PDB file of N, CA and C in Angstrom:
ATOM      1  N   MET A   1      34.282 -45.483  65.031  1.00  0.00           N
ATOM      2  CA  MET A   1      35.154 -45.437  63.883  1.00  0.00           C
ATOM      3  C   MET A   1      34.610 -46.384  62.843  1.00  0.00           C
ATOM      4  N   SER A   2      34.862 -45.999  61.647  1.00  0.00           N
ATOM      5  CA  SER A   2      34.351 -46.805  60.552  1.00  0.00           C
ATOM      6  C   SER A   2      35.278 -46.659  59.355  1.00  0.00           C
ATOM      7  N   ILE A   3      35.552 -47.775  58.735  1.00  0.00           N
ATOM      8  CA  ILE A   3      36.327 -47.783  57.497  1.00  0.00           C
ATOM      9  C   ILE A   3      35.519 -48.571  56.485  1.00  0.00           C
ATOM     10  N   SER A   4      35.271 -47.971  55.323  1.00  0.00           N
ATOM     11  CA  SER A   4      34.571 -48.698  54.265  1.00  0.00           C
ATOM     12  C   SER A   4      35.399 -48.624  52.988  1.00  0.00           C
ATOM     13  N   LYS A   5      35.367 -49.712  52.238  1.00  0.00           N
ATOM     14  CA  LYS A   5      36.153 -49.812  51.008  1.00  0.00           C
ATOM     15  C   LYS A   5      35.226 -49.999  49.819  1.00  0.00           C
ATOM     16  N   ASN A   6      35.542 -49.307  48.729  1.00  0.00           N
ATOM     17  CA  ASN A   6      34.792 -49.442  47.485  1.00  0.00           C
ATOM     18  C   ASN A   6      35.807 -49.734  46.376  1.00  0.00           C
ATOM     19  N   PHE A   7      35.901 -51.008  45.980  1.00  0.00           N
ATOM     20  CA  PHE A   7      36.835 -51.401  44.930  1.00  0.00           C
ATOM     21  C   PHE A   7      36.248 -50.998  43.584  1.00  0.00           C
ATOM     22  N   LEU A   8      36.998 -50.215  42.831  1.00  0.00           N
ATOM     23  CA  LEU A   8      36.508 -49.678  41.568  1.00  0.00           C
ATOM     24  C   LEU A   8      36.639 -50.702  40.444  1.00  0.00           C
ATOM     25  N   LYS A   9      35.630 -50.747  39.596  1.00  0.00           N
ATOM     26  CA  LYS A   9      35.624 -51.690  38.474  1.00  0.00           C
ATOM     27  C   LYS A   9      36.374 -51.137  37.270  1.00  0.00           C
ATOM     28  N   THR A  10      36.455 -49.824  37.160  1.00  0.00           N
ATOM     29  CA  THR A  10      37.060 -49.206  35.978  1.00  0.00           C
ATOM     30  C   THR A  10      38.549 -48.910  36.135  1.00  0.00           C
ATOM     31  N   ARG A  11      39.049 -48.968  37.374  1.00  0.00           N
ATOM     32  CA  ARG A  11      40.471 -48.701  37.641  1.00  0.00           C
ATOM     33  C   ARG A  11      40.963 -49.700  38.679  1.00  0.00           C
ATOM     34  N   ALA A  12      42.260 -49.931  38.690  1.00  0.00           N
ATOM     35  CA  ALA A  12      42.862 -50.837  39.673  1.00  0.00           C
ATOM     36  C   ALA A  12      43.138 -50.066  40.962  1.00  0.00           C
ATOM     37  N   SER A  13      42.043 -49.617  41.579  1.00  0.00           N
ATOM     38  CA  SER A  13      42.175 -48.855  42.811  1.00  0.00           C
ATOM     39  C   SER A  13      40.950 -49.072  43.698  1.00  0.00           C
ATOM     40  N   CYS A  14      41.067 -48.550  44.902  1.00  0.00           N
ATOM     41  CA  CYS A  14      40.007 -48.696  45.898  1.00  0.00           C
ATOM     42  C   CYS A  14      39.818 -47.365  46.609  1.00  0.00           C
ATOM     43  N   LYS A  15      38.563 -46.928  46.713  1.00  0.00           N
ATOM     44  CA  LYS A  15      38.250 -45.737  47.497  1.00  0.00           C
ATOM     45  C   LYS A  15      37.974 -46.201  48.924  1.00  0.00           C
ATOM     46  N   VAL A  16      38.676 -45.589  49.863  1.00  0.00           N
ATOM     47  CA  VAL A  16      38.525 -45.941  51.273  1.00  0.00           C
ATOM     48  C   VAL A  16      37.986 -44.726  52.009  1.00  0.00           C
ATOM     49  N   LYS A  17      36.885 -44.939  52.730  1.00  0.00           N
ATOM     50  CA  LYS A  17      36.288 -43.856  53.509  1.00  0.00           C
ATOM     51  C   LYS A  17      36.573 -44.100  54.986  1.00  0.00           C
ATOM     52  N   PHE A  18      37.188 -43.109  55.617  1.00  0.00           N
ATOM     53  CA  PHE A  18      37.515 -43.145  57.035  1.00  0.00           C
ATOM     54  C   PHE A  18      36.520 -42.231  57.756  1.00  0.00           C
ATOM     55  N   GLN A  19      35.917 -42.719  58.836  1.00  0.00           N
ATOM     56  CA  GLN A  19      34.939 -41.921  59.573  1.00  0.00           C
ATOM     57  C   GLN A  19      35.174 -42.039  61.073  1.00  0.00           C
ATOM     58  N   LEU A  20      34.995 -40.920  61.760  1.00  0.00           N
ATOM     59  CA  LEU A  20      35.101 -40.874  63.212  1.00  0.00           C
ATOM     60  C   LEU A  20      33.844 -40.213  63.764  1.00  0.00           C
ATOM     61  N   SER A  21      33.272 -40.786  64.792  1.00  0.00           N
ATOM     62  CA  SER A  21      32.047 -40.252  65.385  1.00  0.00           C
ATOM     63  C   SER A  21      32.362 -39.070  66.306  1.00  0.00           C
ATOM     64  N   PRO A  22      31.352 -38.271  66.652  1.00  0.00           N
ATOM     65  CA  PRO A  22      31.570 -37.155  67.580  1.00  0.00           C
ATOM     66  C   PRO A  22      32.096 -37.635  68.934  1.00  0.00           C
ATOM     67  N   GLU A  23      31.649 -38.793  69.370  1.00  0.00           N
ATOM     68  CA  GLU A  23      32.097 -39.342  70.657  1.00  0.00           C
ATOM     69  C   GLU A  23      33.587 -39.696  70.628  1.00  0.00           C
ATOM     70  N   GLU A  24      34.050 -40.132  69.477  1.00  0.00           N
ATOM     71  CA  GLU A  24      35.458 -40.525  69.346  1.00  0.00           C
ATOM     72  C   GLU A  24      36.392 -39.324  69.300  1.00  0.00           C
ATOM     73  N   VAL A  25      35.959 -38.253  68.667  1.00  0.00           N
ATOM     74  CA  VAL A  25      36.825 -37.068  68.533  1.00  0.00           C
ATOM     75  C   VAL A  25      36.651 -36.104  69.694  1.00  0.00           C
ATOM     76  N   LYS A  26      35.632 -36.322  70.520  1.00  0.00           N
ATOM     77  CA  LYS A  26      35.315 -35.484  71.678  1.00  0.00           C
ATOM     78  C   LYS A  26      35.198 -34.019  71.274  1.00  0.00           C
ATOM     79  N   ASP A  27      36.058 -33.145  71.779  1.00  0.00           N
ATOM     80  CA  ASP A  27      35.924 -31.713  71.488  1.00  0.00           C
ATOM     81  C   ASP A  27      36.911 -31.228  70.425  1.00  0.00           C
ATOM     82  N   ALA A  28      37.441 -32.125  69.608  1.00  0.00           N
ATOM     83  CA  ALA A  28      38.389 -31.731  68.555  1.00  0.00           C
ATOM     84  C   ALA A  28      37.689 -30.857  67.508  1.00  0.00           C
ATOM     85  N   SER A  29      38.381 -29.830  67.067  1.00  0.00           N
ATOM     86  CA  SER A  29      37.826 -28.998  66.003  1.00  0.00           C
ATOM     87  C   SER A  29      38.441 -29.358  64.653  1.00  0.00           C
ATOM     88  N   ALA A  30      39.508 -30.175  64.667  1.00  0.00           N
ATOM     89  CA  ALA A  30      40.133 -30.648  63.433  1.00  0.00           C
ATOM     90  C   ALA A  30      40.761 -32.017  63.693  1.00  0.00           C
ATOM     91  N   VAL A  31      40.692 -32.880  62.680  1.00  0.00           N
ATOM     92  CA  VAL A  31      41.294 -34.202  62.747  1.00  0.00           C
ATOM     93  C   VAL A  31      42.003 -34.452  61.424  1.00  0.00           C
ATOM     94  N   TYR A  32      43.163 -35.070  61.493  1.00  0.00           N
ATOM     95  CA  TYR A  32      43.975 -35.342  60.302  1.00  0.00           C
ATOM     96  C   TYR A  32      44.230 -36.839  60.178  1.00  0.00           C
ATOM     97  N   LEU A  33      44.208 -37.321  58.948  1.00  0.00           N
ATOM     98  CA  LEU A  33      44.582 -38.698  58.651  1.00  0.00           C
ATOM     99  C   LEU A  33      46.027 -38.652  58.177  1.00  0.00           C
ATOM    100  N   VAL A  34      46.912 -39.286  58.926  1.00  0.00           N
ATOM    101  CA  VAL A  34      48.332 -39.280  58.562  1.00  0.00           C
ATOM    102  C   VAL A  34      48.797 -40.715  58.363  1.00  0.00           C
ATOM    103  N   GLY A  35      49.722 -40.895  57.441  1.00  0.00           N
ATOM    104  CA  GLY A  35      50.214 -42.236  57.182  1.00  0.00           C
ATOM    105  C   GLY A  35      51.352 -42.254  56.194  1.00  0.00           C
ATOM    106  N   ASP A  36      51.768 -43.454  55.855  1.00  0.00           N
ATOM    107  CA  ASP A  36      52.883 -43.588  54.920  1.00  0.00           C
ATOM    108  C   ASP A  36      52.508 -43.101  53.520  1.00  0.00           C
ATOM    109  N   PHE A  37      51.230 -43.040  53.204  1.00  0.00           N
ATOM    110  CA  PHE A  37      50.768 -42.578  51.888  1.00  0.00           C
ATOM    111  C   PHE A  37      50.938 -41.076  51.708  1.00  0.00           C
ATOM    112  N   ASN A  38      51.131 -40.331  52.813  1.00  0.00           N
ATOM    113  CA  ASN A  38      51.390 -38.893  52.709  1.00  0.00           C
ATOM    114  C   ASN A  38      52.671 -38.502  53.451  1.00  0.00           C
ATOM    115  N   ASN A  39      53.571 -39.486  53.581  1.00  0.00           N
ATOM    116  CA  ASN A  39      54.857 -39.261  54.269  1.00  0.00           C
ATOM    117  C   ASN A  39      54.677 -38.737  55.693  1.00  0.00           C
ATOM    118  N   TRP A  40      53.602 -39.154  56.357  1.00  0.00           N
ATOM    119  CA  TRP A  40      53.301 -38.782  57.747  1.00  0.00           C
ATOM    120  C   TRP A  40      53.206 -37.266  57.909  1.00  0.00           C
ATOM    121  N   ASP A  41      52.761 -36.601  56.852  1.00  0.00           N
ATOM    122  CA  ASP A  41      52.565 -35.150  56.881  1.00  0.00           C
ATOM    123  C   ASP A  41      51.310 -34.867  57.705  1.00  0.00           C
ATOM    124  N   LEU A  42      51.465 -34.159  58.791  1.00  0.00           N
ATOM    125  CA  LEU A  42      50.361 -33.940  59.723  1.00  0.00           C
ATOM    126  C   LEU A  42      49.226 -33.104  59.148  1.00  0.00           C
ATOM    127  N   ALA A  43      49.473 -32.344  58.096  1.00  0.00           N
ATOM    128  CA  ALA A  43      48.431 -31.481  57.541  1.00  0.00           C
ATOM    129  C   ALA A  43      47.987 -31.876  56.130  1.00  0.00           C
ATOM    130  N   ALA A  44      48.537 -32.942  55.579  1.00  0.00           N
ATOM    131  CA  ALA A  44      48.261 -33.302  54.182  1.00  0.00           C
ATOM    132  C   ALA A  44      46.818 -33.753  53.942  1.00  0.00           C
ATOM    133  N   ASN A  45      46.218 -34.435  54.910  1.00  0.00           N
ATOM    134  CA  ASN A  45      44.868 -34.979  54.715  1.00  0.00           C
ATOM    135  C   ASN A  45      43.946 -34.622  55.878  1.00  0.00           C
ATOM    136  N   PRO A  46      43.492 -33.352  55.929  1.00  0.00           N
ATOM    137  CA  PRO A  46      42.525 -33.000  56.974  1.00  0.00           C
ATOM    138  C   PRO A  46      41.189 -33.682  56.693  1.00  0.00           C
ATOM    139  N   MET A  47      40.553 -34.137  57.744  1.00  0.00           N
ATOM    140  CA  MET A  47      39.244 -34.771  57.601  1.00  0.00           C
ATOM    141  C   MET A  47      38.172 -33.677  57.626  1.00  0.00           C
ATOM    142  N   THR A  48      37.056 -33.941  56.965  1.00  0.00           N
ATOM    143  CA  THR A  48      35.958 -32.976  56.895  1.00  0.00           C
ATOM    144  C   THR A  48      35.041 -33.142  58.097  1.00  0.00           C
ATOM    145  N   ARG A  49      34.772 -32.025  58.762  1.00  0.00           N
ATOM    146  CA  ARG A  49      33.854 -32.049  59.904  1.00  0.00           C
ATOM    147  C   ARG A  49      32.421 -31.953  59.385  1.00  0.00           C
ATOM    148  N   ARG A  50      31.571 -32.850  59.834  1.00  0.00           N
ATOM    149  CA  ARG A  50      30.161 -32.875  59.442  1.00  0.00           C
ATOM    150  C   ARG A  50      29.315 -32.086  60.445  1.00  0.00           C
ATOM    151  N   LYS A  51      28.089 -31.787  60.069  1.00  0.00           N
ATOM    152  CA  LYS A  51      27.185 -31.030  60.940  1.00  0.00           C
ATOM    153  C   LYS A  51      26.943 -31.721  62.273  1.00  0.00           C
ATOM    154  N   ASP A  52      26.975 -33.061  62.269  1.00  0.00           N
ATOM    155  CA  ASP A  52      26.721 -33.813  63.504  1.00  0.00           C
ATOM    156  C   ASP A  52      27.951 -33.935  64.397  1.00  0.00           C
ATOM    157  N   GLY A  53      29.093 -33.322  63.990  1.00  0.00           N
ATOM    158  CA  GLY A  53      30.312 -33.361  64.786  1.00  0.00           C
ATOM    159  C   GLY A  53      31.250 -34.502  64.427  1.00  0.00           C
ATOM    160  N   SER A  54      30.841 -35.361  63.510  1.00  0.00           N
ATOM    161  CA  SER A  54      31.713 -36.448  63.062  1.00  0.00           C
ATOM    162  C   SER A  54      32.709 -35.908  62.035  1.00  0.00           C
ATOM    163  N   PHE A  55      33.706 -36.707  61.734  1.00  0.00           N
ATOM    164  CA  PHE A  55      34.705 -36.348  60.731  1.00  0.00           C
ATOM    165  C   PHE A  55      34.811 -37.490  59.729  1.00  0.00           C
ATOM    166  N   SER A  56      35.065 -37.159  58.459  1.00  0.00           N
ATOM    167  CA  SER A  56      35.235 -38.198  57.448  1.00  0.00           C
ATOM    168  C   SER A  56      36.203 -37.718  56.366  1.00  0.00           C
ATOM    169  N   LEU A  57      36.739 -38.705  55.657  1.00  0.00           N
ATOM    170  CA  LEU A  57      37.647 -38.439  54.554  1.00  0.00           C
ATOM    171  C   LEU A  57      37.668 -39.667  53.665  1.00  0.00           C
ATOM    172  N   GLU A  58      37.633 -39.444  52.359  1.00  0.00           N
ATOM    173  CA  GLU A  58      37.721 -40.549  51.403  1.00  0.00           C
ATOM    174  C   GLU A  58      38.966 -40.350  50.548  1.00  0.00           C
ATOM    175  N   LEU A  59      39.780 -41.408  50.465  1.00  0.00           N
ATOM    176  CA  LEU A  59      40.990 -41.387  49.644  1.00  0.00           C
ATOM    177  C   LEU A  59      40.971 -42.578  48.706  1.00  0.00           C
ATOM    178  N   GLU A  60      41.633 -42.430  47.569  1.00  0.00           N
ATOM    179  CA  GLU A  60      41.741 -43.523  46.606  1.00  0.00           C
ATOM    180  C   GLU A  60      43.163 -44.071  46.638  1.00  0.00           C
ATOM    181  N   PHE A  61      43.266 -45.392  46.772  1.00  0.00           N
ATOM    182  CA  PHE A  61      44.557 -46.067  46.843  1.00  0.00           C
ATOM    183  C   PHE A  61      44.673 -47.076  45.711  1.00  0.00           C
ATOM    184  N   PRO A  62      45.884 -47.237  45.146  1.00  0.00           N
ATOM    185  CA  PRO A  62      46.079 -48.282  44.132  1.00  0.00           C
ATOM    186  C   PRO A  62      45.995 -49.662  44.793  1.00  0.00           C
ATOM    187  N   LEU A  63      45.497 -50.634  44.051  1.00  0.00           N
ATOM    188  CA  LEU A  63      45.385 -51.990  44.590  1.00  0.00           C
ATOM    189  C   LEU A  63      46.759 -52.612  44.808  1.00  0.00           C
ATOM    190  N   GLY A  64      46.818 -53.548  45.741  1.00  0.00           N
ATOM    191  CA  GLY A  64      48.040 -54.293  45.992  1.00  0.00           C
ATOM    192  C   GLY A  64      49.015 -53.625  46.936  1.00  0.00           C
ATOM    193  N   HIS A  65      48.563 -52.586  47.650  1.00  0.00           N
ATOM    194  CA  HIS A  65      49.446 -51.885  48.577  1.00  0.00           C
ATOM    195  C   HIS A  65      48.785 -51.795  49.952  1.00  0.00           C
ATOM    196  N   ASP A  66      49.547 -52.089  50.979  1.00  0.00           N
ATOM    197  CA  ASP A  66      49.080 -51.892  52.350  1.00  0.00           C
ATOM    198  C   ASP A  66      49.611 -50.548  52.832  1.00  0.00           C
ATOM    199  N   HIS A  67      48.818 -49.857  53.641  1.00  0.00           N
ATOM    200  CA  HIS A  67      49.228 -48.540  54.124  1.00  0.00           C
ATOM    201  C   HIS A  67      49.046 -48.436  55.629  1.00  0.00           C
ATOM    202  N   GLN A  68      50.074 -47.904  56.305  1.00  0.00           N
ATOM    203  CA  GLN A  68      49.989 -47.630  57.731  1.00  0.00           C
ATOM    204  C   GLN A  68      49.414 -46.234  57.922  1.00  0.00           C
ATOM    205  N   PHE A  69      48.611 -46.082  58.975  1.00  0.00           N
ATOM    206  CA  PHE A  69      48.001 -44.781  59.227  1.00  0.00           C
ATOM    207  C   PHE A  69      47.645 -44.620  60.697  1.00  0.00           C
ATOM    208  N   ARG A  70      47.333 -43.366  61.059  1.00  0.00           N
ATOM    209  CA  ARG A  70      46.785 -43.017  62.375  1.00  0.00           C
ATOM    210  C   ARG A  70      45.977 -41.732  62.211  1.00  0.00           C
ATOM    211  N   TYR A  71      45.156 -41.434  63.214  1.00  0.00           N
ATOM    212  CA  TYR A  71      44.400 -40.183  63.249  1.00  0.00           C
ATOM    213  C   TYR A  71      45.044 -39.265  64.286  1.00  0.00           C
ATOM    214  N   LEU A  72      45.074 -37.960  63.994  1.00  0.00           N
ATOM    215  CA  LEU A  72      45.622 -36.977  64.922  1.00  0.00           C
ATOM    216  C   LEU A  72      44.647 -35.817  65.054  1.00  0.00           C
ATOM    217  N   THR A  73      44.305 -35.462  66.295  1.00  0.00           N
ATOM    218  CA  THR A  73      43.419 -34.315  66.523  1.00  0.00           C
ATOM    219  C   THR A  73      44.244 -33.042  66.635  1.00  0.00           C
ATOM    220  N   ASP A  74      43.565 -31.912  66.522  1.00  0.00           N
ATOM    221  CA  ASP A  74      44.236 -30.619  66.624  1.00  0.00           C
ATOM    222  C   ASP A  74      44.807 -30.369  68.013  1.00  0.00           C
ATOM    223  N   SER A  75      44.374 -31.126  68.997  1.00  0.00           N
ATOM    224  CA  SER A  75      44.928 -30.980  70.349  1.00  0.00           C
ATOM    225  C   SER A  75      46.115 -31.916  70.579  1.00  0.00           C
ATOM    226  N   GLY A  76      46.563 -32.605  69.520  1.00  0.00           N
ATOM    227  CA  GLY A  76      47.739 -33.462  69.621  1.00  0.00           C
ATOM    228  C   GLY A  76      47.466 -34.875  70.104  1.00  0.00           C
ATOM    229  N   ILE A  77      46.207 -35.266  70.151  1.00  0.00           N
ATOM    230  CA  ILE A  77      45.845 -36.619  70.605  1.00  0.00           C
ATOM    231  C   ILE A  77      45.760 -37.556  69.404  1.00  0.00           C
ATOM    232  N   TRP A  78      46.469 -38.678  69.504  1.00  0.00           N
ATOM    233  CA  TRP A  78      46.426 -39.711  68.463  1.00  0.00           C
ATOM    234  C   TRP A  78      45.273 -40.645  68.783  1.00  0.00           C
ATOM    235  N   LEU A  79      44.451 -40.942  67.784  1.00  0.00           N
ATOM    236  CA  LEU A  79      43.305 -41.830  67.971  1.00  0.00           C
ATOM    237  C   LEU A  79      43.572 -43.183  67.330  1.00  0.00           C
ATOM    238  N   ASN A  80      43.131 -44.218  68.004  1.00  0.00           N
ATOM    239  CA  ASN A  80      43.281 -45.581  67.507  1.00  0.00           C
ATOM    240  C   ASN A  80      42.080 -45.972  66.657  1.00  0.00           C
ATOM    241  N   ASP A  81      42.252 -46.951  65.807  1.00  0.00           N
ATOM    242  CA  ASP A  81      41.156 -47.431  64.966  1.00  0.00           C
ATOM    243  C   ASP A  81      41.023 -48.941  65.090  1.00  0.00           C
ATOM    244  N   PRO A  82      40.061 -49.414  65.887  1.00  0.00           N
ATOM    245  CA  PRO A  82      39.877 -50.847  66.064  1.00  0.00           C
ATOM    246  C   PRO A  82      39.370 -51.555  64.805  1.00  0.00           C
ATOM    247  N   GLU A  83      38.925 -50.801  63.811  1.00  0.00           N
ATOM    248  CA  GLU A  83      38.433 -51.412  62.573  1.00  0.00           C
ATOM    249  C   GLU A  83      39.501 -51.541  61.497  1.00  0.00           C
ATOM    250  N   ALA A  84      40.742 -51.224  61.833  1.00  0.00           N
ATOM    251  CA  ALA A  84      41.833 -51.377  60.869  1.00  0.00           C
ATOM    252  C   ALA A  84      41.988 -52.854  60.520  1.00  0.00           C
ATOM    253  N   ASP A  85      42.564 -53.111  59.360  1.00  0.00           N
ATOM    254  CA  ASP A  85      42.760 -54.490  58.909  1.00  0.00           C
ATOM    255  C   ASP A  85      43.804 -55.226  59.740  1.00  0.00           C
ATOM    256  N   ALA A  86      44.772 -54.491  60.278  1.00  0.00           N
ATOM    257  CA  ALA A  86      45.826 -55.093  61.100  1.00  0.00           C
ATOM    258  C   ALA A  86      46.530 -53.981  61.872  1.00  0.00           C
ATOM    259  N   TYR A  87      47.375 -54.391  62.802  1.00  0.00           N
ATOM    260  CA  TYR A  87      48.187 -53.464  63.585  1.00  0.00           C
ATOM    261  C   TYR A  87      49.650 -53.778  63.334  1.00  0.00           C
ATOM    262  N   VAL A  88      50.473 -52.737  63.266  1.00  0.00           N
ATOM    263  CA  VAL A  88      51.893 -52.889  62.969  1.00  0.00           C
ATOM    264  C   VAL A  88      52.679 -52.188  64.071  1.00  0.00           C
ATOM    265  N   PRO A  89      53.636 -52.867  64.701  1.00  0.00           N
ATOM    266  CA  PRO A  89      54.441 -52.202  65.731  1.00  0.00           C
ATOM    267  C   PRO A  89      55.174 -50.995  65.162  1.00  0.00           C
ATOM    268  N   CYS A  90      55.224 -49.950  65.958  1.00  0.00           N
ATOM    269  CA  CYS A  90      55.903 -48.718  65.564  1.00  0.00           C
ATOM    270  C   CYS A  90      56.898 -48.361  66.668  1.00  0.00           C
ATOM    271  N   SER A  91      58.151 -48.285  66.326  1.00  0.00           N
ATOM    272  CA  SER A  91      59.172 -47.984  67.329  1.00  0.00           C
ATOM    273  C   SER A  91      59.081 -46.543  67.812  1.00  0.00           C
ATOM    274  N   TYR A  92      58.514 -45.670  66.987  1.00  0.00           N
ATOM    275  CA  TYR A  92      58.341 -44.282  67.389  1.00  0.00           C
ATOM    276  C   TYR A  92      57.221 -44.207  68.425  1.00  0.00           C
ATOM    277  N   ALA A  93      57.487 -43.693  69.545  1.00  0.00           N
ATOM    278  CA  ALA A  93      56.519 -43.529  70.637  1.00  0.00           C
ATOM    279  C   ALA A  93      56.049 -44.858  71.210  1.00  0.00           C
ATOM    280  N   ASN A  94      56.723 -45.947  70.875  1.00  0.00           N
ATOM    281  CA  ASN A  94      56.416 -47.262  71.439  1.00  0.00           C
ATOM    282  C   ASN A  94      54.918 -47.576  71.356  1.00  0.00           C
ATOM    283  N   THR A  95      54.384 -47.531  70.164  1.00  0.00           N
ATOM    284  CA  THR A  95      52.957 -47.742  69.948  1.00  0.00           C
ATOM    285  C   THR A  95      52.739 -48.607  68.718  1.00  0.00           C
ATOM    286  N   GLU A  96      51.520 -48.637  68.226  1.00  0.00           N
ATOM    287  CA  GLU A  96      51.197 -49.375  67.016  1.00  0.00           C
ATOM    288  C   GLU A  96      50.581 -48.441  65.982  1.00  0.00           C
ATOM    289  N   ASN A  97      50.903 -48.685  64.725  1.00  0.00           N
ATOM    290  CA  ASN A  97      50.232 -48.035  63.615  1.00  0.00           C
ATOM    291  C   ASN A  97      49.137 -48.974  63.138  1.00  0.00           C
ATOM    292  N   PHE A  98      48.235 -48.449  62.377  1.00  0.00           N
ATOM    293  CA  PHE A  98      47.131 -49.243  61.867  1.00  0.00           C
ATOM    294  C   PHE A  98      47.340 -49.488  60.388  1.00  0.00           C
ATOM    295  N   LEU A  99      46.845 -50.586  59.911  1.00  0.00           N
ATOM    296  CA  LEU A  99      47.094 -50.995  58.530  1.00  0.00           C
ATOM    297  C   LEU A  99      45.777 -51.121  57.781  1.00  0.00           C
ATOM    298  N   ILE A 100      45.753 -50.542  56.588  1.00  0.00           N
ATOM    299  CA  ILE A 100      44.632 -50.716  55.674  1.00  0.00           C
ATOM    300  C   ILE A 100      45.166 -51.491  54.472  1.00  0.00           C
ATOM    301  N   LYS A 101      44.489 -52.576  54.142  1.00  0.00           N
ATOM    302  CA  LYS A 101      44.919 -53.417  53.027  1.00  0.00           C
ATOM    303  C   LYS A 101      43.982 -53.222  51.848  1.00  0.00           C
ATOM    304  N   VAL A 102      44.553 -52.855  50.698  1.00  0.00           N
ATOM    305  CA  VAL A 102      43.739 -52.697  49.485  1.00  0.00           C
ATOM    306  C   VAL A 102      44.333 -53.495  48.344  1.00  0.00           C
TER     307      VAL A 102
END
């Protein structure tokens, strides 16, 4: 997993690129980035599958906002991201959400 941030000089925002390797997604044919920025809509932000089997997605966020997120595969498996900026307890499913700070 990889998260990279590109803070824009011309706007008060940051482009964040989320990436998952083929090993992380295993045999998933689709992966979605879900979070508070899309009202946890499971289909709002599908990640793009690359030729090597990895998945990626780049989103732009306004500065000064933290966002909770998780990855979901088409087989219903939630993936964790150890590169998140922080972890936030989530009462739903007794787990943790991941936090990206911009």
